[in-house]
Amino acid sequence: MSKQTNRWLTMDLDQNVDHILDQFASCEDVSLRRLTITRMRQKVAIIFIPEITDTIRIEQACVRPLLALADRRSALEHEELSNVLTLLGTQQNHTIDDVIVSITAGKTVLFLDGTRQATALDTAKWEHRPIEKSENEVSLRGSLQAFNEDIRANIGLVRQFLRSQELKIEKFTCGRKTKTQVHILYLESTAHPDQLQTVKQRLQQIKLDSVLDAGYIEQLIRDHPRSPFPTMGQTERPDRVAAQLVDGRIAIAVDHSPTMLTLPALFSEFFQVSEDYYGDFWFQSFLRVLRYVAFWLSLFLPSVYLIFLTYNPELLPTPLLLKLSAARLGVPAPTIVEVFFMGILFEVLHEAGLRLPRPIGPAISIVGGLVVGEAAVSAGLVGAATVIIIALTGILSFIIPGRSIASTFRLLRFPLLFMTGVFGVVGLVLALLLLLLHMFSLTSFGEPYMQTTPPLRRRLLQDSIIRAPLDILFKRSHNSNAGKGLR
């Protein structure tokens, strides 16, 4: 149980220091340094955590300037520190709670005897990865930069793309114990005020003890949190965030997370990548159509295969039917069990490839798939055609660029397969209708999830299934100030 700390600082420096150190009892990483300055022998105390502060900066920009005041005749006041210290970024703390938050945030807190406040100096020094290229959103063309775990560096990357005073950044704190910094980024001229207000309200309503990643925020503030469909975008590329902001979206950056969230997010946007806007519109439109075709095939191919073999074999050409029947001779399980088994096995191999060390993960997943598939066919446990169908389904699902939406449809494949196995064509049609009804009922911060283009851009079908030329996409509407951003 945490100790009661909602108390005001007093004019007694020793009492203030004792209260602070009492709160950090058994914390060996908290350091205290005492100084005596001015001819009046004024006492000064500095409290910080060396592991998360720049100790060299504390020594050069704080301790040395204070010791240089040995000949000063009057006591030093907090209001004068900005003229004495060579540090940028100071904040006045008046309660013990404020001081504790500052210390745990990597700041150095300075106490002066005879004053009822403390000054928090910005000396934080957090360890983080350098700016590297994106690994999860592979870019064949355009910027290769990706976010890291430092929220300040991430916001700086976005600033490099949007050098405008219209880019606004508002700060929130989430997590009662983690005190995680959460920033909202938006362009003042394009962001929808109602959506912005909704985001702020939902962030303020978060009551968790810990917020460790952007995924926490996504699950807590999105529309329809019980739906398997993602209604918020996520990206680790600053150029994509900048494009979304120009297009009227809102971005959420979470400290310690290399991913930014964007909202509202529509279904069609999960099939778009940044390179769509960097290349010729004919070829990029072809690739988009290819992604949609791959999406529908990956979702329904196992179910259609089951229908042809179990319920409606007369729809297949006779030579093909004979080949498939011969391949299944000796297979002990029904087709539905066979397809389910291979589907689960594929997901196991896929997950194993992700969790293994990167140098051997892909090799193990590929070799494992080949060996297990060949062994299963040789042993007569499954038919060769089933292995081909499941492998093709998995490959098609990898074409979808949005990882979250691809995972959703990998999951939905199994209920669709079950409905087909129990009710045949009727079951597949019924499952499809229920799926479409659910998708069309979803919203993302007030925007219909399945609309092809949001009203804030007022364009018809210029950037959904196909991609129109850039001169059309960038043409500003007479009724809207929203520009066209790159996805």
Protein backbone atom coordinates (compact mmCIF):
# COMPACT_ATOMS: atom_id res chain seq x y z
CA MET A 1 0.00 0.00 0.00
CA SER A 2 1.43 3.38 -1.03
CA LYS A 3 2.08 6.01 1.61
CA GLN A 4 0.06 9.19 1.86
CA THR A 5 2.07 11.91 0.11
CA ASN A 6 -0.42 14.62 -0.67
CA ARG A 7 1.37 17.20 1.49
CA TRP A 8 2.76 20.63 0.85
CA LEU A 9 6.45 21.35 1.08
CA THR A 10 7.59 23.32 4.11
CA MET A 11 10.27 25.98 4.62
CA ASP A 12 12.47 23.45 6.45
CA LEU A 13 14.80 21.85 3.92
CA ASP A 14 15.76 18.91 6.15
CA GLN A 15 12.12 18.08 6.80
CA ASN A 16 11.33 18.16 3.07
CA VAL A 17 14.27 15.92 2.26
CA ASP A 18 13.33 13.44 4.99
CA HIS A 19 9.77 13.20 3.64
CA ILE A 20 11.03 12.57 0.10
CA LEU A 21 13.59 9.96 1.12
CA ASP A 22 10.96 8.29 3.28
CA GLN A 23 8.86 7.78 0.16
CA PHE A 24 11.89 6.25 -1.58
CA ALA A 25 12.75 3.91 1.28
CA SER A 26 14.67 0.82 0.05
CA CYS A 27 15.38 2.57 -3.27
CA GLU A 28 19.16 2.36 -3.50
CA ASP A 29 19.27 4.19 -6.83
CA VAL A 30 18.04 7.53 -5.41
CA SER A 31 20.91 9.94 -4.71
CA LEU A 32 21.06 12.98 -2.46
CA ARG A 33 23.68 15.71 -2.65
CA ARG A 34 23.89 18.57 -0.16
CA LEU A 35 25.56 21.92 -0.78
CA THR A 36 26.12 25.12 1.16
CA ILE A 37 26.13 28.37 -0.80
CA THR A 38 26.32 32.15 -0.22
CA ARG A 39 27.86 33.89 2.76
CA MET A 40 24.65 33.19 4.67
CA ARG A 41 25.51 29.48 4.57
CA GLN A 42 22.25 28.67 2.78
CA LYS A 43 21.64 24.94 2.55
CA VAL A 44 20.81 23.32 -0.79
CA ALA A 45 19.74 19.72 -1.47
CA ILE A 46 19.67 17.98 -4.84
CA ILE A 47 17.82 14.67 -5.31
CA PHE A 48 18.02 12.60 -8.49
CA ILE A 49 18.29 9.05 -9.84
CA PRO A 50 21.69 8.67 -11.57
CA GLU A 51 20.56 5.81 -13.85
CA ILE A 52 18.02 7.99 -15.64
CA THR A 53 19.65 11.42 -15.39
CA ASP A 54 22.60 13.10 -17.06
CA THR A 55 24.97 13.35 -14.10
CA ILE A 56 27.60 15.24 -16.10
CA ARG A 57 25.01 17.85 -16.99
CA ILE A 58 23.98 18.11 -13.33
CA GLU A 59 27.58 18.73 -12.31
CA GLN A 60 28.38 21.28 -15.00
CA ALA A 61 25.10 23.17 -15.32
CA CYS A 62 23.77 22.96 -11.76
CA VAL A 63 26.37 22.20 -9.06
CA ARG A 64 29.20 24.39 -10.36
CA PRO A 65 27.04 27.51 -10.90
CA LEU A 66 25.66 27.11 -7.36
CA LEU A 67 29.10 26.74 -5.80
CA ALA A 68 30.17 29.87 -7.68
CA LEU A 69 27.75 31.85 -5.49
CA ALA A 70 30.05 31.59 -2.44
CA ASP A 71 30.49 35.39 -2.27
CA ARG A 72 26.78 36.17 -2.63
CA ARG A 73 25.52 38.18 0.35
CA SER A 74 21.79 37.35 0.16
CA ALA A 75 19.91 34.05 0.14
CA LEU A 76 19.06 32.55 -3.23
CA GLU A 77 15.40 32.30 -4.27
CA HIS A 78 13.84 29.84 -6.72
CA GLU A 79 12.79 32.68 -8.99
CA GLU A 80 16.48 33.53 -9.53
CA LEU A 81 17.57 30.03 -10.57
CA SER A 82 16.86 30.65 -14.25
CA ASN A 83 19.53 33.40 -14.16
CA VAL A 84 22.03 31.26 -12.26
CA LEU A 85 21.79 27.81 -13.81
CA THR A 86 22.59 27.03 -17.44
CA LEU A 87 19.81 24.45 -17.74
CA LEU A 88 16.82 24.74 -20.01
CA GLY A 89 13.47 23.49 -18.76
CA THR A 90 12.58 24.15 -15.13
CA GLN A 91 9.35 23.44 -13.30
CA GLN A 92 8.19 24.51 -9.85
CA ASN A 93 6.96 21.79 -7.46
CA HIS A 94 4.93 22.62 -4.36
CA THR A 95 3.88 19.22 -3.04
CA ILE A 96 5.68 15.99 -2.22
CA ASP A 97 3.66 14.23 -4.93
CA ASP A 98 4.95 16.68 -7.53
CA VAL A 99 8.52 16.11 -6.41
CA ILE A 100 8.18 12.31 -6.57
CA VAL A 101 6.75 12.45 -10.09
CA SER A 102 9.61 14.70 -11.20
CA ILE A 103 12.31 12.47 -9.72
CA THR A 104 10.89 9.28 -11.25
CA ALA A 105 10.64 11.09 -14.60
CA GLY A 106 14.42 11.55 -14.65
CA LYS A 107 14.47 15.15 -13.47
CA THR A 108 16.75 16.62 -10.82
CA VAL A 109 14.88 18.31 -7.96
CA LEU A 110 16.61 21.20 -6.18
CA PHE A 111 15.58 22.36 -2.69
CA LEU A 112 16.54 25.70 -1.15
CA ASP A 113 16.36 26.16 2.60
CA GLY A 114 13.78 28.73 3.68
CA THR A 115 11.47 28.22 0.68
CA ARG A 116 8.19 26.30 0.31
CA GLN A 117 8.88 24.93 -3.14
CA ALA A 118 11.35 22.91 -5.17
CA THR A 119 12.63 23.35 -8.70
CA ALA A 120 12.64 20.37 -11.07
CA LEU A 121 15.42 20.57 -13.65
CA ASP A 122 15.14 18.79 -16.98
CA THR A 123 18.15 16.47 -16.85
CA ALA A 124 16.52 13.22 -17.98
CA LYS A 125 18.68 10.80 -19.94
CA TRP A 126 16.80 7.71 -21.08
CA GLU A 127 18.46 4.90 -22.98
CA HIS A 128 16.88 4.18 -26.37
CA ARG A 129 17.62 2.67 -29.74
CA PRO A 130 18.92 4.87 -32.54
CA ILE A 131 16.67 5.72 -35.46
CA GLU A 132 16.62 2.62 -37.68
CA LYS A 133 14.70 1.45 -40.71
CA SER A 134 11.27 -0.09 -40.36
CA GLU A 135 11.29 -3.88 -40.07
CA ASN A 136 7.57 -4.60 -39.79
CA GLU A 137 6.48 -2.15 -42.53
CA VAL A 138 8.96 -2.84 -45.28
CA SER A 139 9.43 0.08 -47.65
CA LEU A 140 10.61 -0.47 -51.21
CA ARG A 141 10.58 3.23 -51.89
CA GLY A 142 10.49 6.36 -49.77
CA SER A 143 11.66 7.03 -46.25
CA LEU A 144 13.23 4.14 -44.34
CA GLN A 145 13.05 5.79 -40.92
CA ALA A 146 11.06 4.12 -38.16
CA PHE A 147 10.02 5.11 -34.67
CA ASN A 148 11.89 3.89 -31.59
CA GLU A 149 10.91 3.80 -27.90
CA ASP A 150 11.72 7.48 -27.18
CA ILE A 151 8.57 9.57 -27.56
CA ARG A 152 10.54 12.79 -28.02
CA ALA A 153 12.52 11.30 -30.90
CA ASN A 154 9.29 10.00 -32.47
CA ILE A 155 7.61 13.38 -32.33
CA GLY A 156 10.76 14.92 -33.77
CA LEU A 157 10.57 12.55 -36.75
CA VAL A 158 7.01 13.67 -37.44
CA ARG A 159 8.11 17.30 -37.12
CA GLN A 160 10.69 16.70 -39.85
CA PHE A 161 7.86 15.90 -42.28
CA LEU A 162 5.40 18.56 -41.02
CA ARG A 163 7.27 21.81 -40.52
CA SER A 164 4.19 23.81 -39.72
CA GLN A 165 2.88 25.73 -36.73
CA GLU A 166 -0.47 24.02 -37.33
CA LEU A 167 0.90 20.76 -35.90
CA LYS A 168 -0.41 20.74 -32.34
CA ILE A 169 0.77 18.36 -29.61
CA GLU A 170 -1.09 17.86 -26.34
CA LYS A 171 0.25 15.82 -23.44
CA PHE A 172 -1.59 13.40 -21.14
CA THR A 173 -0.43 11.02 -18.42
CA CYS A 174 -1.90 7.50 -18.26
CA GLY A 175 -1.28 4.77 -15.71
CA ARG A 176 -1.48 5.45 -11.99
CA LYS A 177 1.86 3.74 -11.34
CA THR A 178 3.71 3.96 -14.67
CA LYS A 179 2.83 7.64 -15.31
CA THR A 180 3.21 7.00 -19.03
CA GLN A 181 3.36 10.04 -21.28
CA VAL A 182 0.77 10.04 -24.05
CA HIS A 183 0.77 12.76 -26.71
CA ILE A 184 -1.98 13.65 -29.16
CA LEU A 185 -0.79 15.01 -32.51
CA TYR A 186 -3.09 16.77 -34.97
CA LEU A 187 -3.21 19.57 -37.52
CA GLU A 188 -5.40 22.36 -36.25
CA SER A 189 -6.84 23.16 -39.69
CA THR A 190 -7.81 19.60 -40.66
CA ALA A 191 -8.59 17.60 -37.51
CA HIS A 192 -12.28 17.15 -36.67
CA PRO A 193 -13.06 18.95 -33.35
CA ASP A 194 -15.59 16.33 -32.21
CA GLN A 195 -13.16 13.47 -32.78
CA LEU A 196 -10.43 15.38 -30.98
CA GLN A 197 -12.68 15.98 -27.99
CA THR A 198 -13.70 12.31 -27.93
CA VAL A 199 -10.07 11.18 -27.86
CA LYS A 200 -9.25 13.51 -24.97
CA GLN A 201 -12.23 12.34 -22.94
CA ARG A 202 -11.42 8.67 -23.44
CA LEU A 203 -7.78 9.16 -22.50
CA GLN A 204 -8.79 10.95 -19.30
CA GLN A 205 -11.10 8.06 -18.39
CA ILE A 206 -8.30 5.44 -18.41
CA LYS A 207 -7.95 4.11 -14.85
CA LEU A 208 -5.28 1.42 -15.23
CA ASP A 209 -2.26 1.11 -12.96
CA SER A 210 0.07 0.52 -15.90
CA VAL A 211 0.17 1.57 -19.54
CA LEU A 212 3.23 -0.05 -21.11
CA ASP A 213 2.53 0.16 -24.83
CA ALA A 214 0.31 1.82 -27.42
CA GLY A 215 -1.69 -1.42 -27.53
CA TYR A 216 -3.12 -0.62 -24.09
CA ILE A 217 -4.42 2.72 -25.35
CA GLU A 218 -5.84 1.19 -28.52
CA GLN A 219 -7.89 -1.39 -26.62
CA LEU A 220 -9.23 1.13 -24.12
CA ILE A 221 -10.31 4.05 -26.33
CA ARG A 222 -11.35 2.54 -29.66
CA ASP A 223 -14.93 2.03 -30.78
CA HIS A 224 -16.28 -1.52 -30.41
CA PRO A 225 -13.48 -2.94 -28.19
CA ARG A 226 -15.07 -6.43 -28.35
CA SER A 227 -14.96 -6.59 -32.14
CA PRO A 228 -12.10 -8.53 -33.77
CA PHE A 229 -11.77 -5.78 -36.39
CA PRO A 230 -9.24 -3.01 -35.70
CA THR A 231 -10.85 0.43 -35.73
CA MET A 232 -7.59 2.30 -35.12
CA GLY A 233 -4.55 2.32 -37.34
CA GLN A 234 -1.04 1.61 -36.11
CA THR A 235 2.25 2.34 -37.80
CA GLU A 236 5.94 2.67 -37.02
CA ARG A 237 6.64 4.97 -39.99
CA PRO A 238 6.75 8.76 -39.49
CA ASP A 239 5.95 9.49 -43.15
CA ARG A 240 2.68 7.57 -42.82
CA VAL A 241 1.75 9.46 -39.65
CA ALA A 242 2.51 12.77 -41.32
CA ALA A 243 0.30 11.80 -44.26
CA GLN A 244 -2.54 10.81 -41.97
CA LEU A 245 -2.31 14.12 -40.09
CA VAL A 246 -2.46 16.10 -43.33
CA ASP A 247 -5.52 14.07 -44.26
CA GLY A 248 -7.34 15.16 -41.10
CA ARG A 249 -6.51 12.23 -38.84
CA ILE A 250 -5.33 12.30 -35.23
CA ALA A 251 -2.21 10.46 -34.04
CA ILE A 252 -1.44 9.16 -30.56
CA ALA A 253 2.17 8.66 -29.44
CA VAL A 254 2.88 6.60 -26.32
CA ASP A 255 6.20 6.71 -24.50
CA HIS A 256 8.27 3.49 -24.68
CA SER A 257 6.27 2.33 -27.71
CA PRO A 258 7.75 2.28 -31.24
CA THR A 259 4.25 2.44 -32.72
CA MET A 260 1.90 5.39 -33.19
CA LEU A 261 -1.86 5.06 -33.38
CA THR A 262 -3.96 6.91 -35.95
CA LEU A 263 -7.69 7.54 -36.01
CA PRO A 264 -10.24 7.28 -37.41
CA ALA A 265 -9.22 4.20 -39.37
CA LEU A 266 -11.37 2.79 -42.16
CA PHE A 267 -11.41 -0.73 -43.57
CA SER A 268 -9.97 0.28 -46.94
CA GLU A 269 -6.94 1.94 -45.33
CA PHE A 270 -5.58 -1.38 -44.10
CA PHE A 271 -4.95 -2.33 -47.74
CA GLN A 272 -2.88 0.77 -48.48
CA VAL A 273 0.85 1.32 -48.08
CA SER A 274 3.08 4.36 -48.44
CA GLU A 275 4.59 3.14 -51.70
CA ASP A 276 1.14 3.42 -53.30
CA TYR A 277 1.78 7.16 -53.58
CA TYR A 278 5.44 7.00 -54.55
CA GLY A 279 5.00 5.08 -57.82
CA ASP A 280 2.98 5.12 -61.03
CA PHE A 281 -0.77 5.07 -60.33
CA TRP A 282 -1.47 2.32 -62.89
CA PHE A 283 0.81 -0.22 -61.28
CA GLN A 284 -0.08 0.81 -57.72
CA SER A 285 -3.80 0.49 -58.51
CA PHE A 286 -3.11 -3.00 -59.89
CA LEU A 287 -1.35 -3.94 -56.64
CA ARG A 288 -4.29 -2.65 -54.59
CA VAL A 289 -6.76 -4.74 -56.58
CA LEU A 290 -4.43 -7.69 -56.11
CA ARG A 291 -4.51 -7.20 -52.34
CA TYR A 292 -8.31 -7.19 -52.24
CA VAL A 293 -8.46 -10.35 -54.36
CA ALA A 294 -5.89 -12.03 -52.11
CA PHE A 295 -7.89 -10.97 -49.06
CA TRP A 296 -11.14 -12.60 -50.23
CA LEU A 297 -9.36 -15.72 -51.45
CA SER A 298 -7.46 -16.15 -48.17
CA LEU A 299 -10.71 -15.84 -46.24
CA PHE A 300 -12.91 -18.20 -48.28
CA LEU A 301 -10.53 -20.59 -50.09
CA PRO A 302 -10.55 -23.33 -47.40
CA SER A 303 -14.35 -23.13 -47.10
CA VAL A 304 -14.86 -23.29 -50.87
CA TYR A 305 -12.47 -26.24 -51.06
CA LEU A 306 -14.54 -28.00 -48.39
CA ILE A 307 -17.79 -27.32 -50.29
CA PHE A 308 -16.42 -28.77 -53.53
CA LEU A 309 -15.14 -31.95 -51.91
CA THR A 310 -17.96 -32.61 -49.43
CA TYR A 311 -21.22 -31.03 -50.61
CA ASN A 312 -21.03 -30.18 -54.30
CA PRO A 313 -18.37 -32.33 -56.04
CA GLU A 314 -20.44 -32.25 -59.24
CA LEU A 315 -19.33 -28.64 -59.74
CA LEU A 316 -15.76 -29.76 -60.38
CA PRO A 317 -14.51 -31.04 -63.74
CA THR A 318 -14.41 -34.84 -63.73
CA PRO A 319 -10.62 -35.18 -64.23
CA LEU A 320 -9.98 -32.78 -61.34
CA LEU A 321 -12.50 -34.56 -59.12
CA LEU A 322 -10.85 -37.91 -59.81
CA LYS A 323 -7.42 -36.48 -58.99
CA LEU A 324 -8.65 -35.02 -55.68
CA SER A 325 -10.46 -38.22 -54.76
CA ALA A 326 -7.38 -40.31 -55.51
CA ALA A 327 -5.25 -38.00 -53.36
CA ARG A 328 -7.57 -38.55 -50.42
CA LEU A 329 -7.59 -42.34 -50.63
CA GLY A 330 -6.58 -43.77 -47.27
CA VAL A 331 -7.01 -40.50 -45.37
CA PRO A 332 -8.79 -41.53 -42.14
CA ALA A 333 -10.34 -38.18 -41.17
CA PRO A 334 -13.22 -36.31 -42.87
CA THR A 335 -12.29 -33.34 -45.03
CA ILE A 336 -13.46 -30.82 -42.41
CA VAL A 337 -11.13 -32.32 -39.79
CA GLU A 338 -8.30 -32.51 -42.31
CA VAL A 339 -8.60 -28.83 -43.27
CA PHE A 340 -8.95 -27.74 -39.64
CA PHE A 341 -5.87 -29.75 -38.64
CA MET A 342 -3.71 -28.30 -41.42
CA GLY A 343 -4.98 -24.78 -40.73
CA ILE A 344 -4.04 -25.01 -37.05
CA LEU A 345 -0.69 -26.56 -37.95
CA PHE A 346 0.06 -23.68 -40.31
CA GLU A 347 -0.70 -21.15 -37.56
CA VAL A 348 1.58 -23.06 -35.17
CA LEU A 349 4.45 -22.97 -37.66
CA HIS A 350 3.83 -19.28 -38.35
CA GLU A 351 3.89 -18.39 -34.66
CA ALA A 352 6.99 -20.51 -34.08
CA GLY A 353 8.79 -18.70 -36.90
CA LEU A 354 7.98 -15.35 -35.27
CA ARG A 355 9.13 -16.34 -31.77
CA LEU A 356 12.37 -18.03 -32.72
CA PRO A 357 15.57 -15.95 -33.00
CA ARG A 358 15.50 -13.96 -36.23
CA PRO A 359 18.47 -15.66 -37.97
CA ILE A 360 16.86 -19.11 -37.73
CA GLY A 361 13.15 -18.30 -37.45
CA PRO A 362 12.30 -18.07 -41.18
CA ALA A 363 14.44 -21.09 -42.00
CA ILE A 364 12.81 -23.23 -39.31
CA SER A 365 9.29 -22.21 -40.34
CA ILE A 366 9.92 -22.96 -44.03
CA VAL A 367 11.78 -26.22 -43.46
CA GLY A 368 9.31 -27.25 -40.77
CA GLY A 369 6.39 -26.62 -43.09
CA LEU A 370 7.94 -28.62 -45.91
CA VAL A 371 8.98 -31.52 -43.69
CA VAL A 372 5.73 -31.73 -41.72
CA GLY A 373 3.56 -31.33 -44.82
CA GLU A 374 5.47 -33.97 -46.78
CA ALA A 375 5.47 -36.33 -43.80
CA ALA A 376 1.71 -35.87 -43.26
CA VAL A 377 0.97 -36.63 -46.92
CA SER A 378 3.34 -39.64 -46.98
CA ALA A 379 1.75 -41.05 -43.84
CA GLY A 380 -1.71 -40.70 -45.35
CA LEU A 381 -2.95 -38.34 -42.63
CA VAL A 382 -3.92 -35.57 -45.07
CA GLY A 383 -4.30 -35.21 -48.81
CA ALA A 384 -1.76 -33.36 -50.92
CA ALA A 385 -4.46 -31.01 -52.23
CA THR A 386 -5.30 -29.93 -48.66
CA VAL A 387 -1.67 -29.03 -48.00
CA ILE A 388 -1.62 -26.94 -51.20
CA ILE A 389 -4.84 -25.13 -50.30
CA ILE A 390 -3.68 -24.26 -46.77
CA ALA A 391 -0.24 -23.14 -47.96
CA LEU A 392 -1.79 -20.97 -50.69
CA THR A 393 -4.22 -19.49 -48.16
CA GLY A 394 -1.35 -18.55 -45.85
CA ILE A 395 0.66 -16.96 -48.63
CA LEU A 396 -2.33 -14.92 -49.77
CA SER A 397 -2.89 -13.62 -46.23
CA PHE A 398 0.68 -12.29 -46.13
CA ILE A 399 -0.03 -9.98 -49.08
CA ILE A 400 -2.36 -7.87 -46.91
CA PRO A 401 -0.15 -5.00 -45.58
CA GLY A 402 -2.22 -4.27 -42.46
CA ARG A 403 -1.00 -6.80 -39.89
CA SER A 404 -3.93 -6.26 -37.55
CA ILE A 405 -6.58 -6.81 -40.23
CA ALA A 406 -4.65 -9.79 -41.62
CA SER A 407 -4.63 -11.39 -38.16
CA THR A 408 -8.36 -10.79 -37.88
CA PHE A 409 -9.13 -12.70 -41.06
CA ARG A 410 -6.72 -15.49 -40.18
CA LEU A 411 -8.84 -15.94 -37.07
CA LEU A 412 -12.20 -15.65 -38.88
CA ARG A 413 -11.23 -18.41 -41.29
CA PHE A 414 -11.98 -21.05 -38.67
CA PRO A 415 -15.57 -20.02 -37.78
CA LEU A 416 -16.32 -19.75 -41.51
CA LEU A 417 -14.89 -23.21 -42.01
CA PHE A 418 -16.98 -24.57 -39.15
CA MET A 419 -20.21 -23.05 -40.51
CA THR A 420 -19.41 -24.49 -43.94
CA GLY A 421 -18.63 -27.92 -42.54
CA VAL A 422 -21.92 -28.07 -40.62
CA PHE A 423 -24.36 -26.38 -43.03
CA GLY A 424 -22.59 -26.43 -46.39
CA VAL A 425 -23.18 -23.60 -48.87
CA VAL A 426 -26.02 -22.25 -46.73
CA GLY A 427 -23.68 -22.01 -43.75
CA LEU A 428 -21.02 -20.17 -45.76
CA VAL A 429 -23.54 -17.67 -47.14
CA LEU A 430 -25.04 -17.14 -43.68
CA ALA A 431 -21.59 -16.61 -42.15
CA LEU A 432 -20.72 -14.14 -44.92
CA LEU A 433 -23.93 -12.17 -44.32
CA LEU A 434 -23.31 -12.03 -40.57
CA LEU A 435 -19.73 -10.92 -41.20
CA LEU A 436 -20.78 -8.14 -43.57
CA LEU A 437 -23.55 -6.97 -41.23
CA HIS A 438 -21.06 -6.71 -38.41
CA MET A 439 -18.51 -4.87 -40.54
CA PHE A 440 -21.07 -2.36 -41.81
CA SER A 441 -22.26 -1.71 -38.25
CA LEU A 442 -18.80 -0.67 -37.06
CA THR A 443 -17.64 2.92 -36.65
CA SER A 444 -14.29 4.49 -35.97
CA PHE A 445 -14.72 7.62 -33.87
CA GLY A 446 -17.96 8.46 -35.63
CA GLU A 447 -16.85 7.50 -39.15
CA PRO A 448 -18.58 4.49 -40.80
CA TYR A 449 -15.96 1.75 -40.95
CA MET A 450 -16.81 0.48 -44.43
CA GLN A 451 -17.08 3.76 -46.29
CA THR A 452 -14.58 4.09 -49.10
CA THR A 453 -13.59 7.69 -48.38
CA PRO A 454 -14.22 9.75 -45.26
CA PRO A 455 -16.37 12.89 -45.56
CA LEU A 456 -13.48 15.02 -44.36
CA ARG A 457 -11.84 14.58 -47.77
CA ARG A 458 -15.01 14.74 -49.88
CA ARG A 459 -13.71 12.47 -52.63
CA LEU A 460 -15.59 9.58 -54.20
CA LEU A 461 -13.51 6.57 -55.26
CA GLN A 462 -10.21 8.26 -55.99
CA ASP A 463 -8.25 6.54 -53.25
CA SER A 464 -9.86 3.28 -52.14
CA ILE A 465 -9.72 0.19 -54.38
CA ILE A 466 -7.77 2.12 -57.01
CA ARG A 467 -5.43 5.09 -56.72
CA ALA A 468 -6.04 8.10 -58.91
CA PRO A 469 -3.16 10.25 -60.26
CA LEU A 470 -1.57 12.58 -57.71
CA ASP A 471 -2.70 15.75 -59.48
CA ILE A 472 -6.29 14.66 -58.83
CA LEU A 473 -5.65 13.52 -55.27
CA PHE A 474 -3.90 16.75 -54.35
CA LYS A 475 -6.55 18.96 -55.95
CA ARG A 476 -8.14 20.88 -53.10
CA SER A 477 -11.87 20.95 -52.69
CA HIS A 478 -13.61 24.34 -52.76
CA ASN A 479 -15.58 23.32 -49.70
CA SER A 480 -12.75 21.88 -47.59
CA ASN A 481 -9.28 22.93 -46.49
CA ALA A 482 -8.15 19.32 -46.00
CA GLY A 483 -5.24 18.36 -48.19
CA LYS A 484 -4.44 14.94 -49.51
CA GLY A 485 -1.81 13.08 -47.52
CA LEU A 486 0.21 10.00 -48.32
CA ARG A 487 -0.91 6.88 -46.58
